[in-house]
Amino acid sequence: RIERQQNFLRATMSQLLSKGTFTNPLRLTNVLSAVTQNIVIDQAWENGDIRALALAMRGVTVKNVKFMTLPIAGYGNDKTNGSYLRVDEAKAQELWTAMKSDNVDAYLTKYPKAALGKAKNVE
C-alpha cells in the first residue's frame, strides 16, 4: 500500500512539474486550492506556508527527489482509532539527522529498503 501511495505521489509530482505549475502563479494557486480541499493538512499550516514550500521547490525534478518510508517498529491497534504504525524512533532520528545534514545517501546505504524502488504505473 505504501509503495502504491508513493508511486501515486511520484506520478502527481511529475505531472505538476511537467506542466510548469511552480512557475505559473495562477496554475500554482489553482493546484494549491485543489490540494488543500482534498487532503488533510496539519492545521498549523496555512495556504501561504504551502505556497512558500511550493515556490521553494522550483527547479526540483522528479529525478532528484528520493521517496522513502519512515522507519516503523511494528503495528498497533486502538479500539477507537483502528490500526496504526509505530515509528522506530531511533532510526527515525537517524533519518532526520541525515536530512538536516543533507546526507540521505548515507542513510539509504545503511537502510536500503527505506527507499522506494523505480517508478511503477499507478493503478
PDB file of N, CA and C in Angstrom:
ATOM      1  N   ARG A   1       0.836  -1.194   0.000  1.00  0.00           N
ATOM      2  CA  ARG A   1       0.000   0.000   0.000  1.00  0.00           C
ATOM      3  C   ARG A   1       0.877   1.253   0.000  1.00  0.00           C
ATOM      4  N   ILE A   2       1.910   1.272   0.839  1.00  0.00           N
ATOM      5  CA  ILE A   2       2.783   2.441   0.909  1.00  0.00           C
ATOM      6  C   ILE A   2       3.441   2.691  -0.440  1.00  0.00           C
ATOM      7  N   GLU A   3       3.878   1.622  -1.078  1.00  0.00           N
ATOM      8  CA  GLU A   3       4.534   1.766  -2.383  1.00  0.00           C
ATOM      9  C   GLU A   3       3.570   2.354  -3.410  1.00  0.00           C
ATOM     10  N   ARG A   4       2.321   1.902  -3.412  1.00  0.00           N
ATOM     11  CA  ARG A   4       1.319   2.457  -4.339  1.00  0.00           C
ATOM     12  C   ARG A   4       1.081   3.937  -4.056  1.00  0.00           C
ATOM     13  N   GLN A   5       0.995   4.301  -2.783  1.00  0.00           N
ATOM     14  CA  GLN A   5       0.780   5.707  -2.429  1.00  0.00           C
ATOM     15  C   GLN A   5       1.955   6.564  -2.877  1.00  0.00           C
ATOM     16  N   GLN A   6       3.174   6.078  -2.653  1.00  0.00           N
ATOM     17  CA  GLN A   6       4.345   6.851  -3.056  1.00  0.00           C
ATOM     18  C   GLN A   6       4.440   6.956  -4.575  1.00  0.00           C
ATOM     19  N   ASN A   7       4.096   5.892  -5.282  1.00  0.00           N
ATOM     20  CA  ASN A   7       4.097   5.969  -6.747  1.00  0.00           C
ATOM     21  C   ASN A   7       3.044   6.940  -7.244  1.00  0.00           C
ATOM     22  N   PHE A   8       1.908   6.997  -6.557  1.00  0.00           N
ATOM     23  CA  PHE A   8       0.882   7.981  -6.907  1.00  0.00           C
ATOM     24  C   PHE A   8       1.436   9.394  -6.718  1.00  0.00           C
ATOM     25  N   LEU A   9       2.086   9.641  -5.574  1.00  0.00           N
ATOM     26  CA  LEU A   9       2.679  10.963  -5.327  1.00  0.00           C
ATOM     27  C   LEU A   9       3.763  11.287  -6.350  1.00  0.00           C
ATOM     28  N   ARG A  10       4.559  10.299  -6.702  1.00  0.00           N
ATOM     29  CA  ARG A  10       5.607  10.493  -7.712  1.00  0.00           C
ATOM     30  C   ARG A  10       4.982  10.880  -9.052  1.00  0.00           C
ATOM     31  N   ALA A  11       3.937  10.175  -9.448  1.00  0.00           N
ATOM     32  CA  ALA A  11       3.272  10.476 -10.718  1.00  0.00           C
ATOM     33  C   ALA A  11       2.616  11.850 -10.682  1.00  0.00           C
ATOM     34  N   THR A  12       1.996  12.191  -9.543  1.00  0.00           N
ATOM     35  CA  THR A  12       1.371  13.503  -9.388  1.00  0.00           C
ATOM     36  C   THR A  12       2.418  14.606  -9.473  1.00  0.00           C
ATOM     37  N   MET A  13       3.531  14.424  -8.779  1.00  0.00           N
ATOM     38  CA  MET A  13       4.600  15.415  -8.814  1.00  0.00           C
ATOM     39  C   MET A  13       5.159  15.558 -10.227  1.00  0.00           C
ATOM     40  N   SER A  14       5.311  14.464 -10.905  1.00  0.00           N
ATOM     41  CA  SER A  14       5.810  14.501 -12.277  1.00  0.00           C
ATOM     42  C   SER A  14       4.883  15.310 -13.171  1.00  0.00           C
ATOM     43  N   GLN A  15       3.581  15.109 -13.021  1.00  0.00           N
ATOM     44  CA  GLN A  15       2.601  15.860 -13.803  1.00  0.00           C
ATOM     45  C   GLN A  15       2.666  17.348 -13.492  1.00  0.00           C
ATOM     46  N   LEU A  16       2.732  17.669 -12.201  1.00  0.00           N
ATOM     47  CA  LEU A  16       2.786  19.078 -11.805  1.00  0.00           C
ATOM     48  C   LEU A  16       4.043  19.757 -12.331  1.00  0.00           C
ATOM     49  N   LEU A  17       5.163  19.078 -12.239  1.00  0.00           N
ATOM     50  CA  LEU A  17       6.419  19.671 -12.698  1.00  0.00           C
ATOM     51  C   LEU A  17       6.464  19.798 -14.212  1.00  0.00           C
ATOM     52  N   SER A  18       5.898  18.831 -14.922  1.00  0.00           N
ATOM     53  CA  SER A  18       5.954  18.864 -16.384  1.00  0.00           C
ATOM     54  C   SER A  18       5.055  19.954 -16.969  1.00  0.00           C
ATOM     55  N   LYS A  19       4.070  20.402 -16.216  1.00  0.00           N
ATOM     56  CA  LYS A  19       3.154  21.423 -16.718  1.00  0.00           C
ATOM     57  C   LYS A  19       3.547  22.825 -16.271  1.00  0.00           C
ATOM     58  N   GLY A  20       4.718  22.971 -15.658  1.00  0.00           N
ATOM     59  CA  GLY A  20       5.185  24.289 -15.246  1.00  0.00           C
ATOM     60  C   GLY A  20       4.350  24.909 -14.143  1.00  0.00           C
ATOM     61  N   THR A  21       3.752  24.082 -13.313  1.00  0.00           N
ATOM     62  CA  THR A  21       2.866  24.575 -12.261  1.00  0.00           C
ATOM     63  C   THR A  21       3.568  25.539 -11.312  1.00  0.00           C
ATOM     64  N   PHE A  22       4.809  25.228 -10.958  1.00  0.00           N
ATOM     65  CA  PHE A  22       5.506  26.045  -9.975  1.00  0.00           C
ATOM     66  C   PHE A  22       6.008  27.366 -10.540  1.00  0.00           C
ATOM     67  N   THR A  23       5.996  27.502 -11.843  1.00  0.00           N
ATOM     68  CA  THR A  23       6.451  28.766 -12.445  1.00  0.00           C
ATOM     69  C   THR A  23       5.290  29.623 -12.938  1.00  0.00           C
ATOM     70  N   ASN A  24       4.076  29.129 -12.827  1.00  0.00           N
ATOM     71  CA  ASN A  24       2.897  29.856 -13.266  1.00  0.00           C
ATOM     72  C   ASN A  24       2.036  30.174 -12.035  1.00  0.00           C
ATOM     73  N   PRO A  25       2.018  31.439 -11.581  1.00  0.00           N
ATOM     74  CA  PRO A  25       1.306  31.776 -10.338  1.00  0.00           C
ATOM     75  C   PRO A  25      -0.169  31.385 -10.330  1.00  0.00           C
ATOM     76  N   LEU A  26      -0.868  31.572 -11.434  1.00  0.00           N
ATOM     77  CA  LEU A  26      -2.284  31.216 -11.484  1.00  0.00           C
ATOM     78  C   LEU A  26      -2.470  29.701 -11.364  1.00  0.00           C
ATOM     79  N   ARG A  27      -1.674  28.959 -12.119  1.00  0.00           N
ATOM     80  CA  ARG A  27      -1.760  27.497 -12.058  1.00  0.00           C
ATOM     81  C   ARG A  27      -1.409  27.004 -10.649  1.00  0.00           C
ATOM     82  N   LEU A  28      -0.386  27.593 -10.033  1.00  0.00           N
ATOM     83  CA  LEU A  28       0.015  27.196  -8.684  1.00  0.00           C
ATOM     84  C   LEU A  28      -1.115  27.458  -7.689  1.00  0.00           C
ATOM     85  N   THR A  29      -1.749  28.611  -7.780  1.00  0.00           N
ATOM     86  CA  THR A  29      -2.862  28.943  -6.890  1.00  0.00           C
ATOM     87  C   THR A  29      -3.997  27.937  -7.052  1.00  0.00           C
ATOM     88  N   ASN A  30      -4.328  27.578  -8.290  1.00  0.00           N
ATOM     89  CA  ASN A  30      -5.398  26.609  -8.544  1.00  0.00           C
ATOM     90  C   ASN A  30      -5.052  25.228  -7.984  1.00  0.00           C
ATOM     91  N   VAL A  31      -3.804  24.803  -8.161  1.00  0.00           N
ATOM     92  CA  VAL A  31      -3.388  23.494  -7.655  1.00  0.00           C
ATOM     93  C   VAL A  31      -3.419  23.484  -6.138  1.00  0.00           C
ATOM     94  N   LEU A  32      -2.885  24.540  -5.515  1.00  0.00           N
ATOM     95  CA  LEU A  32      -2.892  24.598  -4.057  1.00  0.00           C
ATOM     96  C   LEU A  32      -4.302  24.587  -3.500  1.00  0.00           C
ATOM     97  N   SER A  33      -5.208  25.261  -4.174  1.00  0.00           N
ATOM     98  CA  SER A  33      -6.600  25.265  -3.747  1.00  0.00           C
ATOM     99  C   SER A  33      -7.182  23.853  -3.817  1.00  0.00           C
ATOM    100  N   ALA A  34      -6.917  23.160  -4.915  1.00  0.00           N
ATOM    101  CA  ALA A  34      -7.424  21.792  -5.073  1.00  0.00           C
ATOM    102  C   ALA A  34      -6.809  20.863  -4.033  1.00  0.00           C
ATOM    103  N   VAL A  35      -5.523  21.020  -3.789  1.00  0.00           N
ATOM    104  CA  VAL A  35      -4.844  20.159  -2.823  1.00  0.00           C
ATOM    105  C   VAL A  35      -5.412  20.368  -1.427  1.00  0.00           C
ATOM    106  N   THR A  36      -5.536  21.613  -1.005  1.00  0.00           N
ATOM    107  CA  THR A  36      -5.987  21.873   0.364  1.00  0.00           C
ATOM    108  C   THR A  36      -7.452  21.492   0.584  1.00  0.00           C
ATOM    109  N   GLN A  37      -8.219  21.381  -0.492  1.00  0.00           N
ATOM    110  CA  GLN A  37      -9.612  20.960  -0.349  1.00  0.00           C
ATOM    111  C   GLN A  37      -9.770  19.446  -0.337  1.00  0.00           C
ATOM    112  N   ASN A  38      -8.723  18.725  -0.781  1.00  0.00           N
ATOM    113  CA  ASN A  38      -8.876  17.286  -0.967  1.00  0.00           C
ATOM    114  C   ASN A  38      -7.954  16.412  -0.133  1.00  0.00           C
ATOM    115  N   ILE A  39      -7.061  17.001   0.635  1.00  0.00           N
ATOM    116  CA  ILE A  39      -6.241  16.199   1.531  1.00  0.00           C
ATOM    117  C   ILE A  39      -6.203  16.870   2.904  1.00  0.00           C
ATOM    118  N   VAL A  40      -5.888  16.079   3.894  1.00  0.00           N
ATOM    119  CA  VAL A  40      -5.788  16.602   5.252  1.00  0.00           C
ATOM    120  C   VAL A  40      -4.375  17.160   5.433  1.00  0.00           C
ATOM    121  N   ILE A  41      -4.304  18.403   5.865  1.00  0.00           N
ATOM    122  CA  ILE A  41      -3.030  19.080   6.086  1.00  0.00           C
ATOM    123  C   ILE A  41      -3.004  19.550   7.533  1.00  0.00           C
ATOM    124  N   ASP A  42      -1.842  19.495   8.133  1.00  0.00           N
ATOM    125  CA  ASP A  42      -1.671  19.940   9.508  1.00  0.00           C
ATOM    126  C   ASP A  42      -2.335  21.294   9.699  1.00  0.00           C
ATOM    127  N   GLN A  43      -3.104  21.453  10.755  1.00  0.00           N
ATOM    128  CA  GLN A  43      -3.850  22.688  10.989  1.00  0.00           C
ATOM    129  C   GLN A  43      -2.956  23.905  11.163  1.00  0.00           C
ATOM    130  N   ALA A  44      -1.706  23.694  11.559  1.00  0.00           N
ATOM    131  CA  ALA A  44      -0.793  24.818  11.751  1.00  0.00           C
ATOM    132  C   ALA A  44      -0.327  25.407  10.413  1.00  0.00           C
ATOM    133  N   TRP A  45      -0.469  24.636   9.343  1.00  0.00           N
ATOM    134  CA  TRP A  45      -0.059  25.122   8.014  1.00  0.00           C
ATOM    135  C   TRP A  45      -1.169  25.965   7.421  1.00  0.00           C
ATOM    136  N   GLU A  46      -0.789  27.074   6.857  1.00  0.00           N
ATOM    137  CA  GLU A  46      -1.731  27.928   6.145  1.00  0.00           C
ATOM    138  C   GLU A  46      -1.383  27.900   4.670  1.00  0.00           C
ATOM    139  N   ASN A  47      -2.295  28.389   3.829  1.00  0.00           N
ATOM    140  CA  ASN A  47      -2.047  28.381   2.391  1.00  0.00           C
ATOM    141  C   ASN A  47      -0.747  29.087   2.035  1.00  0.00           C
ATOM    142  N   GLY A  48      -0.426  30.164   2.730  1.00  0.00           N
ATOM    143  CA  GLY A  48       0.817  30.883   2.455  1.00  0.00           C
ATOM    144  C   GLY A  48       2.040  30.024   2.725  1.00  0.00           C
ATOM    145  N   ASP A  49       1.977  29.190   3.768  1.00  0.00           N
ATOM    146  CA  ASP A  49       3.087  28.281   4.079  1.00  0.00           C
ATOM    147  C   ASP A  49       3.263  27.248   2.970  1.00  0.00           C
ATOM    148  N   ILE A  50       2.142  26.724   2.515  1.00  0.00           N
ATOM    149  CA  ILE A  50       2.184  25.719   1.450  1.00  0.00           C
ATOM    150  C   ILE A  50       2.685  26.351   0.159  1.00  0.00           C
ATOM    151  N   ARG A  51       2.228  27.562  -0.136  1.00  0.00           N
ATOM    152  CA  ARG A  51       2.676  28.275  -1.329  1.00  0.00           C
ATOM    153  C   ARG A  51       4.186  28.528  -1.258  1.00  0.00           C
ATOM    154  N   ALA A  52       4.683  28.926  -0.099  1.00  0.00           N
ATOM    155  CA  ALA A  52       6.120  29.170   0.076  1.00  0.00           C
ATOM    156  C   ALA A  52       6.912  27.887  -0.150  1.00  0.00           C
ATOM    157  N   LEU A  53       6.408  26.772   0.356  1.00  0.00           N
ATOM    158  CA  LEU A  53       7.081  25.485   0.128  1.00  0.00           C
ATOM    159  C   LEU A  53       7.094  25.152  -1.350  1.00  0.00           C
ATOM    160  N   ALA A  54       5.955  25.320  -2.013  1.00  0.00           N
ATOM    161  CA  ALA A  54       5.877  25.023  -3.446  1.00  0.00           C
ATOM    162  C   ALA A  54       6.847  25.901  -4.236  1.00  0.00           C
ATOM    163  N   LEU A  55       6.914  27.174  -3.897  1.00  0.00           N
ATOM    164  CA  LEU A  55       7.825  28.080  -4.605  1.00  0.00           C
ATOM    165  C   LEU A  55       9.279  27.717  -4.332  1.00  0.00           C
ATOM    166  N   ALA A  56       9.566  27.243  -3.144  1.00  0.00           N
ATOM    167  CA  ALA A  56      10.928  26.821  -2.823  1.00  0.00           C
ATOM    168  C   ALA A  56      11.331  25.584  -3.622  1.00  0.00           C
ATOM    169  N   MET A  57      10.348  24.874  -4.142  1.00  0.00           N
ATOM    170  CA  MET A  57      10.627  23.659  -4.912  1.00  0.00           C
ATOM    171  C   MET A  57      10.871  23.930  -6.395  1.00  0.00           C
ATOM    172  N   ARG A  58      10.839  25.189  -6.805  1.00  0.00           N
ATOM    173  CA  ARG A  58      11.136  25.481  -8.204  1.00  0.00           C
ATOM    174  C   ARG A  58      12.516  24.940  -8.525  1.00  0.00           C
ATOM    175  N   GLY A  59      12.641  24.326  -9.654  1.00  0.00           N
ATOM    176  CA  GLY A  59      13.915  23.738 -10.047  1.00  0.00           C
ATOM    177  C   GLY A  59      14.061  22.281  -9.634  1.00  0.00           C
ATOM    178  N   VAL A  60      13.151  21.790  -8.799  1.00  0.00           N
ATOM    179  CA  VAL A  60      13.192  20.388  -8.385  1.00  0.00           C
ATOM    180  C   VAL A  60      12.655  19.529  -9.527  1.00  0.00           C
ATOM    181  N   THR A  61      13.295  18.411  -9.762  1.00  0.00           N
ATOM    182  CA  THR A  61      12.794  17.458 -10.751  1.00  0.00           C
ATOM    183  C   THR A  61      12.506  16.136 -10.041  1.00  0.00           C
ATOM    184  N   VAL A  62      11.699  15.312 -10.666  1.00  0.00           N
ATOM    185  CA  VAL A  62      11.362  14.014 -10.081  1.00  0.00           C
ATOM    186  C   VAL A  62      12.628  13.183  -9.899  1.00  0.00           C
ATOM    187  N   LYS A  63      13.581  13.343 -10.802  1.00  0.00           N
ATOM    188  CA  LYS A  63      14.813  12.555 -10.729  1.00  0.00           C
ATOM    189  C   LYS A  63      15.639  12.870  -9.481  1.00  0.00           C
ATOM    190  N   ASN A  64      15.531  14.095  -8.941  1.00  0.00           N
ATOM    191  CA  ASN A  64      16.349  14.394  -7.770  1.00  0.00           C
ATOM    192  C   ASN A  64      15.554  14.389  -6.463  1.00  0.00           C
ATOM    193  N   VAL A  65      14.416  13.701  -6.454  1.00  0.00           N
ATOM    194  CA  VAL A  65      13.634  13.513  -5.236  1.00  0.00           C
ATOM    195  C   VAL A  65      13.720  12.039  -4.856  1.00  0.00           C
ATOM    196  N   LYS A  66      14.041  11.787  -3.603  1.00  0.00           N
ATOM    197  CA  LYS A  66      14.102  10.416  -3.113  1.00  0.00           C
ATOM    198  C   LYS A  66      12.832  10.142  -2.312  1.00  0.00           C
ATOM    199  N   PHE A  67      12.100   9.142  -2.700  1.00  0.00           N
ATOM    200  CA  PHE A  67      10.899   8.735  -1.973  1.00  0.00           C
ATOM    201  C   PHE A  67      11.308   7.640  -0.997  1.00  0.00           C
ATOM    202  N   MET A  68      10.965   7.861   0.263  1.00  0.00           N
ATOM    203  CA  MET A  68      11.366   6.938   1.310  1.00  0.00           C
ATOM    204  C   MET A  68      10.206   6.696   2.261  1.00  0.00           C
ATOM    205  N   THR A  69      10.327   5.644   3.043  1.00  0.00           N
ATOM    206  CA  THR A  69       9.332   5.369   4.078  1.00  0.00           C
ATOM    207  C   THR A  69       9.928   5.683   5.439  1.00  0.00           C
ATOM    208  N   LEU A  70       9.103   6.163   6.323  1.00  0.00           N
ATOM    209  CA  LEU A  70       9.501   6.391   7.693  1.00  0.00           C
ATOM    210  C   LEU A  70       9.729   5.022   8.330  1.00  0.00           C
ATOM    211  N   PRO A  71      10.822   4.849   9.081  1.00  0.00           N
ATOM    212  CA  PRO A  71      11.070   3.528   9.674  1.00  0.00           C
ATOM    213  C   PRO A  71      10.013   3.180  10.719  1.00  0.00           C
ATOM    214  N   ILE A  72       9.501   1.990  10.612  1.00  0.00           N
ATOM    215  CA  ILE A  72       8.469   1.561  11.562  1.00  0.00           C
ATOM    216  C   ILE A  72       8.983   0.425  12.444  1.00  0.00           C
ATOM    217  N   ALA A  73       8.495   0.388  13.681  1.00  0.00           N
ATOM    218  CA  ALA A  73       8.888  -0.641  14.640  1.00  0.00           C
ATOM    219  C   ALA A  73       7.851  -1.757  14.694  1.00  0.00           C
ATOM    220  N   GLY A  74       6.698  -1.513  14.135  1.00  0.00           N
ATOM    221  CA  GLY A  74       5.647  -2.515  14.153  1.00  0.00           C
ATOM    222  C   GLY A  74       4.284  -1.867  13.988  1.00  0.00           C
ATOM    223  N   TYR A  75       3.270  -2.648  14.286  1.00  0.00           N
ATOM    224  CA  TYR A  75       1.894  -2.202  14.118  1.00  0.00           C
ATOM    225  C   TYR A  75       1.178  -2.259  15.455  1.00  0.00           C
ATOM    226  N   GLY A  76       0.183  -1.438  15.586  1.00  0.00           N
ATOM    227  CA  GLY A  76      -0.632  -1.454  16.785  1.00  0.00           C
ATOM    228  C   GLY A  76      -2.096  -1.356  16.407  1.00  0.00           C
ATOM    229  N   ASN A  77      -2.947  -1.511  17.384  1.00  0.00           N
ATOM    230  CA  ASN A  77      -4.382  -1.411  17.142  1.00  0.00           C
ATOM    231  C   ASN A  77      -5.011  -0.691  18.326  1.00  0.00           C
ATOM    232  N   ASP A  78      -5.825   0.276  18.020  1.00  0.00           N
ATOM    233  CA  ASP A  78      -6.509   1.062  19.035  1.00  0.00           C
ATOM    234  C   ASP A  78      -8.010   0.874  18.828  1.00  0.00           C
ATOM    235  N   LYS A  79      -8.744   0.586  19.900  1.00  0.00           N
ATOM    236  CA  LYS A  79     -10.181   0.334  19.778  1.00  0.00           C
ATOM    237  C   LYS A  79     -10.931   1.508  19.173  1.00  0.00           C
ATOM    238  N   THR A  80     -10.484   2.722  19.461  1.00  0.00           N
ATOM    239  CA  THR A  80     -11.173   3.910  18.961  1.00  0.00           C
ATOM    240  C   THR A  80     -10.731   4.294  17.554  1.00  0.00           C
ATOM    241  N   ASN A  81      -9.410   4.292  17.322  1.00  0.00           N
ATOM    242  CA  ASN A  81      -8.878   4.812  16.058  1.00  0.00           C
ATOM    243  C   ASN A  81      -8.461   3.754  15.052  1.00  0.00           C
ATOM    244  N   GLY A  82      -8.473   2.496  15.419  1.00  0.00           N
ATOM    245  CA  GLY A  82      -8.113   1.436  14.487  1.00  0.00           C
ATOM    246  C   GLY A  82      -6.616   1.151  14.481  1.00  0.00           C
ATOM    247  N   SER A  83      -6.150   0.560  13.398  1.00  0.00           N
ATOM    248  CA  SER A  83      -4.747   0.152  13.322  1.00  0.00           C
ATOM    249  C   SER A  83      -3.843   1.340  13.024  1.00  0.00           C
ATOM    250  N   TYR A  84      -2.599   1.228  13.442  1.00  0.00           N
ATOM    251  CA  TYR A  84      -1.625   2.287  13.227  1.00  0.00           C
ATOM    252  C   TYR A  84      -0.225   1.686  13.165  1.00  0.00           C
ATOM    253  N   LEU A  85       0.707   2.473  12.657  1.00  0.00           N
ATOM    254  CA  LEU A  85       2.109   2.076  12.608  1.00  0.00           C
ATOM    255  C   LEU A  85       2.841   2.722  13.781  1.00  0.00           C
ATOM    256  N   ARG A  86       3.762   1.968  14.394  1.00  0.00           N
ATOM    257  CA  ARG A  86       4.607   2.521  15.455  1.00  0.00           C
ATOM    258  C   ARG A  86       5.951   2.888  14.843  1.00  0.00           C
ATOM    259  N   VAL A  87       6.356   4.122  14.988  1.00  0.00           N
ATOM    260  CA  VAL A  87       7.602   4.616  14.420  1.00  0.00           C
ATOM    261  C   VAL A  87       8.789   4.063  15.201  1.00  0.00           C
ATOM    262  N   ASP A  88       9.816   3.647  14.460  1.00  0.00           N
ATOM    263  CA  ASP A  88      11.087   3.258  15.074  1.00  0.00           C
ATOM    264  C   ASP A  88      11.823   4.558  15.371  1.00  0.00           C
ATOM    265  N   GLU A  89      11.745   5.003  16.610  1.00  0.00           N
ATOM    266  CA  GLU A  89      12.252   6.317  16.997  1.00  0.00           C
ATOM    267  C   GLU A  89      13.751   6.468  16.738  1.00  0.00           C
ATOM    268  N   ALA A  90      14.543   5.439  17.013  1.00  0.00           N
ATOM    269  CA  ALA A  90      15.999   5.537  16.826  1.00  0.00           C
ATOM    270  C   ALA A  90      16.344   5.712  15.348  1.00  0.00           C
ATOM    271  N   LYS A  91      15.743   4.882  14.487  1.00  0.00           N
ATOM    272  CA  LYS A  91      16.007   5.014  13.047  1.00  0.00           C
ATOM    273  C   LYS A  91      15.437   6.314  12.498  1.00  0.00           C
ATOM    274  N   ALA A  92      14.298   6.731  13.004  1.00  0.00           N
ATOM    275  CA  ALA A  92      13.708   7.993  12.556  1.00  0.00           C
ATOM    276  C   ALA A  92      14.641   9.153  12.898  1.00  0.00           C
ATOM    277  N   GLN A  93      15.238   9.106  14.077  1.00  0.00           N
ATOM    278  CA  GLN A  93      16.187  10.165  14.455  1.00  0.00           C
ATOM    279  C   GLN A  93      17.384  10.170  13.514  1.00  0.00           C
ATOM    280  N   GLU A  94      17.843   8.991  13.118  1.00  0.00           N
ATOM    281  CA  GLU A  94      18.938   8.907  12.136  1.00  0.00           C
ATOM    282  C   GLU A  94      18.519   9.545  10.817  1.00  0.00           C
ATOM    283  N   LEU A  95      17.279   9.285  10.401  1.00  0.00           N
ATOM    284  CA  LEU A  95      16.770   9.857   9.159  1.00  0.00           C
ATOM    285  C   LEU A  95      16.705  11.375   9.247  1.00  0.00           C
ATOM    286  N   TRP A  96      16.164  11.915  10.346  1.00  0.00           N
ATOM    287  CA  TRP A  96      16.061  13.381  10.479  1.00  0.00           C
ATOM    288  C   TRP A  96      17.456  14.008  10.463  1.00  0.00           C
ATOM    289  N   THR A  97      18.406  13.366  11.139  1.00  0.00           N
ATOM    290  CA  THR A  97      19.777  13.881  11.162  1.00  0.00           C
ATOM    291  C   THR A  97      20.373  13.857   9.754  1.00  0.00           C
ATOM    292  N   ALA A  98      20.142  12.769   9.025  1.00  0.00           N
ATOM    293  CA  ALA A  98      20.645  12.666   7.653  1.00  0.00           C
ATOM    294  C   ALA A  98      20.028  13.736   6.758  1.00  0.00           C
ATOM    295  N   MET A  99      18.737  14.002   6.946  1.00  0.00           N
ATOM    296  CA  MET A  99      18.079  15.028   6.143  1.00  0.00           C
ATOM    297  C   MET A  99      18.618  16.416   6.473  1.00  0.00           C
ATOM    298  N   LYS A 100      18.777  16.705   7.768  1.00  0.00           N
ATOM    299  CA  LYS A 100      19.275  18.017   8.177  1.00  0.00           C
ATOM    300  C   LYS A 100      20.690  18.267   7.681  1.00  0.00           C
ATOM    301  N   SER A 101      21.497  17.208   7.625  1.00  0.00           N
ATOM    302  CA  SER A 101      22.892  17.364   7.204  1.00  0.00           C
ATOM    303  C   SER A 101      23.076  17.086   5.715  1.00  0.00           C
ATOM    304  N   ASP A 102      21.957  16.926   4.987  1.00  0.00           N
ATOM    305  CA  ASP A 102      21.983  16.647   3.548  1.00  0.00           C
ATOM    306  C   ASP A 102      22.841  15.421   3.247  1.00  0.00           C
ATOM    307  N   ASN A 103      22.618  14.367   4.023  1.00  0.00           N
ATOM    308  CA  ASN A 103      23.381  13.145   3.883  1.00  0.00           C
ATOM    309  C   ASN A 103      22.458  11.927   3.826  1.00  0.00           C
ATOM    310  N   VAL A 104      21.376  12.063   3.071  1.00  0.00           N
ATOM    311  CA  VAL A 104      20.385  10.993   2.966  1.00  0.00           C
ATOM    312  C   VAL A 104      20.976   9.762   2.282  1.00  0.00           C
ATOM    313  N   ASP A 105      21.926   9.966   1.361  1.00  0.00           N
ATOM    314  CA  ASP A 105      22.532   8.813   0.680  1.00  0.00           C
ATOM    315  C   ASP A 105      23.194   7.860   1.676  1.00  0.00           C
ATOM    316  N   ALA A 106      23.841   8.396   2.712  1.00  0.00           N
ATOM    317  CA  ALA A 106      24.466   7.536   3.727  1.00  0.00           C
ATOM    318  C   ALA A 106      23.401   6.744   4.484  1.00  0.00           C
ATOM    319  N   TYR A 107      22.284   7.401   4.789  1.00  0.00           N
ATOM    320  CA  TYR A 107      21.185   6.713   5.462  1.00  0.00           C
ATOM    321  C   TYR A 107      20.661   5.582   4.581  1.00  0.00           C
ATOM    322  N   LEU A 108      20.492   5.862   3.306  1.00  0.00           N
ATOM    323  CA  LEU A 108      19.970   4.846   2.387  1.00  0.00           C
ATOM    324  C   LEU A 108      20.974   3.721   2.146  1.00  0.00           C
ATOM    325  N   THR A 109      22.242   4.011   2.267  1.00  0.00           N
ATOM    326  CA  THR A 109      23.244   2.951   2.171  1.00  0.00           C
ATOM    327  C   THR A 109      23.093   2.004   3.356  1.00  0.00           C
ATOM    328  N   LYS A 110      22.845   2.575   4.521  1.00  0.00           N
ATOM    329  CA  LYS A 110      22.672   1.774   5.738  1.00  0.00           C
ATOM    330  C   LYS A 110      21.330   1.044   5.746  1.00  0.00           C
ATOM    331  N   TYR A 111      20.268   1.713   5.236  1.00  0.00           N
ATOM    332  CA  TYR A 111      18.915   1.152   5.231  1.00  0.00           C
ATOM    333  C   TYR A 111      18.337   1.196   3.815  1.00  0.00           C
ATOM    334  N   PRO A 112      18.832   0.372   2.913  1.00  0.00           N
ATOM    335  CA  PRO A 112      18.395   0.461   1.508  1.00  0.00           C
ATOM    336  C   PRO A 112      16.903   0.187   1.281  1.00  0.00           C
ATOM    337  N   LYS A 113      16.277  -0.563   2.163  1.00  0.00           N
ATOM    338  CA  LYS A 113      14.849  -0.863   1.991  1.00  0.00           C
ATOM    339  C   LYS A 113      13.960   0.340   2.284  1.00  0.00           C
ATOM    340  N   ALA A 114      14.538   1.416   2.816  1.00  0.00           N
ATOM    341  CA  ALA A 114      13.763   2.621   3.110  1.00  0.00           C
ATOM    342  C   ALA A 114      13.372   3.370   1.845  1.00  0.00           C
ATOM    343  N   ALA A 115      14.106   3.148   0.766  1.00  0.00           N
ATOM    344  CA  ALA A 115      13.857   3.876  -0.484  1.00  0.00           C
ATOM    345  C   ALA A 115      12.818   3.161  -1.346  1.00  0.00           C
ATOM    346  N   LEU A 116      11.979   3.943  -1.974  1.00  0.00           N
ATOM    347  CA  LEU A 116      11.029   3.395  -2.945  1.00  0.00           C
ATOM    348  C   LEU A 116      11.809   3.028  -4.191  1.00  0.00           C
ATOM    349  N   GLY A 117      11.464   1.902  -4.775  1.00  0.00           N
ATOM    350  CA  GLY A 117      12.136   1.452  -5.989  1.00  0.00           C
ATOM    351  C   GLY A 117      11.788   2.312  -7.183  1.00  0.00           C
ATOM    352  N   LYS A 118      12.063   1.798  -8.345  1.00  0.00           N
ATOM    353  CA  LYS A 118      11.815   2.525  -9.592  1.00  0.00           C
ATOM    354  C   LYS A 118      10.327   2.808  -9.754  1.00  0.00           C
ATOM    355  N   ALA A 119      10.036   3.841 -10.531  1.00  0.00           N
ATOM    356  CA  ALA A 119       8.651   4.231 -10.769  1.00  0.00           C
ATOM    357  C   ALA A 119       7.859   3.089 -11.382  1.00  0.00           C
ATOM    358  N   LYS A 120       6.628   2.957 -10.944  1.00  0.00           N
ATOM    359  CA  LYS A 120       5.719   1.948 -11.466  1.00  0.00           C
ATOM    360  C   LYS A 120       4.420   2.638 -11.854  1.00  0.00           C
ATOM    361  N   ASN A 121       3.649   1.984 -12.681  1.00  0.00           N
ATOM    362  CA  ASN A 121       2.350   2.535 -13.047  1.00  0.00           C
ATOM    363  C   ASN A 121       1.456   2.575 -11.814  1.00  0.00           C
ATOM    364  N   VAL A 122       0.704   3.637 -11.710  1.00  0.00           N
ATOM    365  CA  VAL A 122      -0.226   3.768 -10.590  1.00  0.00           C
ATOM    366  C   VAL A 122      -1.576   3.248 -11.060  1.00  0.00           C
ATOM    367  N   GLU A 123      -2.077   2.259 -10.359  1.00  0.00           N
ATOM    368  CA  GLU A 123      -3.364   1.666 -10.749  1.00  0.00           C
ATOM    369  C   GLU A 123      -4.432   1.988  -9.752  1.00  0.00           C
TER     370      GLU A 123
END
